[in-house]
């Protein structure tokens, strides 16, 4: 994985971990569930991360075949 892709993945993961921690605390301490729009935002971030990782994996697997 190139350094730029690695940095992008790390950045995405840090953001997602922070968001999920905040959601967990609000559920645990205040019994407040996140808004649907917050959940959709997290899902969009997870999908973007998956596409970033899968795109790089496809390139690696194609080069391994050659």
N, C-alpha and C. Protein backbone atom coordinates (compact mmCIF):
# COMPACT_ATOMS: atom_id res chain seq x y z
N UNK A 1 0.86 -1.17 0.00
CA UNK A 1 0.00 0.00 0.00
C UNK A 1 0.91 1.23 0.00
N UNK A 2 0.61 2.15 -0.89
CA UNK A 2 1.45 3.35 -0.95
C UNK A 2 1.29 4.19 0.32
N UNK A 3 2.28 5.02 0.55
CA UNK A 3 2.27 5.84 1.77
C UNK A 3 1.06 6.76 1.81
N UNK A 4 0.69 7.34 0.66
CA UNK A 4 -0.47 8.24 0.61
C UNK A 4 -1.75 7.49 0.96
N UNK A 5 -1.93 6.31 0.38
CA UNK A 5 -3.12 5.51 0.68
C UNK A 5 -3.13 5.11 2.15
N UNK A 6 -1.97 4.74 2.65
CA UNK A 6 -1.87 4.35 4.06
C UNK A 6 -2.29 5.51 4.96
N UNK A 7 -1.82 6.71 4.64
CA UNK A 7 -2.17 7.88 5.43
C UNK A 7 -3.67 8.18 5.34
N UNK A 8 -4.25 7.98 4.17
CA UNK A 8 -5.69 8.19 4.01
C UNK A 8 -6.48 7.20 4.85
N UNK A 9 -6.07 5.95 4.83
CA UNK A 9 -6.75 4.91 5.61
C UNK A 9 -6.64 5.22 7.10
N UNK A 10 -5.44 5.59 7.54
CA UNK A 10 -5.25 5.93 8.95
C UNK A 10 -6.12 7.10 9.35
N UNK A 11 -6.19 8.10 8.50
CA UNK A 11 -7.02 9.28 8.79
C UNK A 11 -8.50 8.90 8.90
N UNK A 12 -8.97 8.08 7.94
CA UNK A 12 -10.37 7.62 7.98
C UNK A 12 -10.64 6.85 9.26
N UNK A 13 -9.74 5.94 9.61
CA UNK A 13 -9.95 5.12 10.80
C UNK A 13 -9.97 5.96 12.08
N UNK A 14 -9.08 6.93 12.19
CA UNK A 14 -9.07 7.80 13.37
C UNK A 14 -10.38 8.56 13.49
N UNK A 15 -10.85 9.11 12.38
CA UNK A 15 -12.11 9.85 12.39
C UNK A 15 -13.26 8.94 12.81
N UNK A 16 -13.33 7.76 12.21
CA UNK A 16 -14.42 6.83 12.52
C UNK A 16 -14.37 6.37 13.98
N UNK A 17 -13.19 6.08 14.48
CA UNK A 17 -13.07 5.67 15.89
C UNK A 17 -13.57 6.76 16.82
N UNK A 18 -13.22 8.00 16.54
CA UNK A 18 -13.66 9.11 17.38
C UNK A 18 -15.18 9.26 17.34
N UNK A 19 -15.74 9.22 16.13
CA UNK A 19 -17.19 9.32 15.99
C UNK A 19 -17.91 8.20 16.73
N UNK A 20 -17.41 6.99 16.58
CA UNK A 20 -18.05 5.85 17.24
C UNK A 20 -17.90 5.91 18.75
N UNK A 21 -16.77 6.39 19.23
CA UNK A 21 -16.60 6.58 20.68
C UNK A 21 -17.63 7.55 21.23
N UNK A 22 -17.81 8.67 20.53
CA UNK A 22 -18.78 9.67 20.96
C UNK A 22 -20.20 9.09 20.97
N UNK A 23 -20.55 8.32 19.94
CA UNK A 23 -21.87 7.70 19.90
C UNK A 23 -22.03 6.71 21.05
N UNK A 24 -21.01 5.91 21.30
CA UNK A 24 -21.07 4.93 22.37
C UNK A 24 -21.27 5.61 23.72
N UNK A 25 -20.52 6.68 23.96
CA UNK A 25 -20.66 7.39 25.23
C UNK A 25 -22.05 7.99 25.40
N UNK A 26 -22.59 8.55 24.32
CA UNK A 26 -23.93 9.13 24.45
C UNK A 26 -24.97 8.06 24.71
N UNK A 27 -24.79 6.89 24.15
CA UNK A 27 -25.73 5.78 24.41
C UNK A 27 -25.56 5.29 25.84
N UNK A 28 -24.32 5.10 26.24
CA UNK A 28 -24.02 4.53 27.56
C UNK A 28 -24.40 5.47 28.70
N UNK A 29 -24.02 6.74 28.58
CA UNK A 29 -24.22 7.68 29.68
C UNK A 29 -25.61 8.33 29.68
N UNK A 30 -26.10 8.69 28.51
CA UNK A 30 -27.34 9.47 28.44
C UNK A 30 -28.52 8.68 27.89
N UNK A 31 -28.30 7.44 27.49
CA UNK A 31 -29.34 6.64 26.84
C UNK A 31 -29.92 7.34 25.63
N UNK A 32 -29.07 8.11 24.92
CA UNK A 32 -29.50 8.80 23.70
C UNK A 32 -28.92 8.09 22.49
N UNK A 33 -29.78 7.68 21.60
CA UNK A 33 -29.32 7.03 20.39
C UNK A 33 -28.99 8.09 19.34
N UNK A 34 -28.03 7.81 18.47
CA UNK A 34 -27.65 8.79 17.45
C UNK A 34 -28.77 9.04 16.45
N UNK A 35 -28.72 10.21 15.86
CA UNK A 35 -29.69 10.54 14.81
C UNK A 35 -29.41 9.67 13.59
N UNK A 36 -30.45 9.37 12.82
CA UNK A 36 -30.24 8.57 11.61
C UNK A 36 -29.22 9.21 10.65
N UNK A 37 -29.20 10.53 10.59
CA UNK A 37 -28.24 11.18 9.69
C UNK A 37 -26.80 10.96 10.16
N UNK A 38 -26.58 10.88 11.46
CA UNK A 38 -25.24 10.57 11.98
C UNK A 38 -24.82 9.17 11.57
N UNK A 39 -25.75 8.23 11.68
CA UNK A 39 -25.45 6.85 11.29
C UNK A 39 -25.18 6.75 9.79
N UNK A 40 -25.95 7.49 8.99
CA UNK A 40 -25.72 7.48 7.55
C UNK A 40 -24.34 8.06 7.22
N UNK A 41 -23.93 9.07 7.96
CA UNK A 41 -22.61 9.66 7.75
C UNK A 41 -21.50 8.68 8.06
N UNK A 42 -21.65 7.95 9.15
CA UNK A 42 -20.66 6.93 9.52
C UNK A 42 -20.62 5.83 8.46
N UNK A 43 -21.79 5.40 8.02
CA UNK A 43 -21.84 4.36 6.99
C UNK A 43 -21.17 4.83 5.69
N UNK A 44 -21.38 6.09 5.33
CA UNK A 44 -20.74 6.63 4.13
C UNK A 44 -19.22 6.64 4.28
N UNK A 45 -18.75 7.00 5.48
CA UNK A 45 -17.31 6.99 5.73
C UNK A 45 -16.74 5.57 5.66
N UNK A 46 -17.47 4.61 6.20
CA UNK A 46 -17.03 3.21 6.13
C UNK A 46 -16.99 2.72 4.69
N UNK A 47 -17.98 3.09 3.89
CA UNK A 47 -17.99 2.70 2.49
C UNK A 47 -16.83 3.32 1.73
N UNK A 48 -16.53 4.60 2.02
CA UNK A 48 -15.40 5.26 1.37
C UNK A 48 -14.09 4.57 1.74
N UNK A 49 -13.96 4.20 2.99
CA UNK A 49 -12.76 3.50 3.44
C UNK A 49 -12.65 2.14 2.76
N UNK A 50 -13.75 1.43 2.66
CA UNK A 50 -13.75 0.13 2.01
C UNK A 50 -13.35 0.25 0.54
N UNK A 51 -13.89 1.25 -0.16
CA UNK A 51 -13.53 1.46 -1.55
C UNK A 51 -12.05 1.79 -1.69
N UNK A 52 -11.53 2.59 -0.78
CA UNK A 52 -10.12 2.94 -0.82
C UNK A 52 -9.25 1.70 -0.65
N UNK A 53 -9.60 0.86 0.30
CA UNK A 53 -8.82 -0.35 0.57
C UNK A 53 -9.01 -1.37 -0.56
N UNK A 54 -10.22 -1.58 -1.01
CA UNK A 54 -10.47 -2.55 -2.07
C UNK A 54 -9.83 -2.13 -3.38
N UNK A 55 -9.85 -0.86 -3.67
CA UNK A 55 -9.23 -0.38 -4.90
C UNK A 55 -7.76 -0.70 -4.91
N UNK A 56 -7.10 -0.53 -3.80
CA UNK A 56 -5.67 -0.83 -3.70
C UNK A 56 -5.44 -2.33 -3.74
N UNK A 57 -6.31 -3.11 -3.13
CA UNK A 57 -6.16 -4.56 -3.11
C UNK A 57 -6.30 -5.13 -4.52
N UNK A 58 -7.23 -4.60 -5.31
CA UNK A 58 -7.41 -5.09 -6.67
C UNK A 58 -6.16 -4.86 -7.51
N UNK A 59 -5.55 -3.71 -7.34
CA UNK A 59 -4.32 -3.40 -8.08
C UNK A 59 -3.22 -4.37 -7.70
N UNK A 60 -3.07 -4.65 -6.41
CA UNK A 60 -2.04 -5.57 -5.95
C UNK A 60 -2.29 -6.97 -6.48
N UNK A 61 -3.52 -7.44 -6.45
CA UNK A 61 -3.80 -8.80 -6.89
C UNK A 61 -3.60 -8.93 -8.40
N UNK A 62 -3.88 -7.90 -9.18
CA UNK A 62 -3.63 -7.94 -10.61
C UNK A 62 -2.13 -7.99 -10.90
N UNK A 63 -1.33 -7.27 -10.15
CA UNK A 63 0.12 -7.27 -10.38
C UNK A 63 0.73 -8.59 -9.94
N UNK A 64 0.13 -9.26 -8.97
CA UNK A 64 0.64 -10.54 -8.51
C UNK A 64 0.41 -11.62 -9.56
N UNK A 65 -0.69 -11.51 -10.32
CA UNK A 65 -1.03 -12.50 -11.34
C UNK A 65 -0.02 -12.43 -12.47
N UNK A 66 0.42 -11.23 -12.80
CA UNK A 66 1.35 -11.04 -13.94
C UNK A 66 2.73 -11.55 -13.70
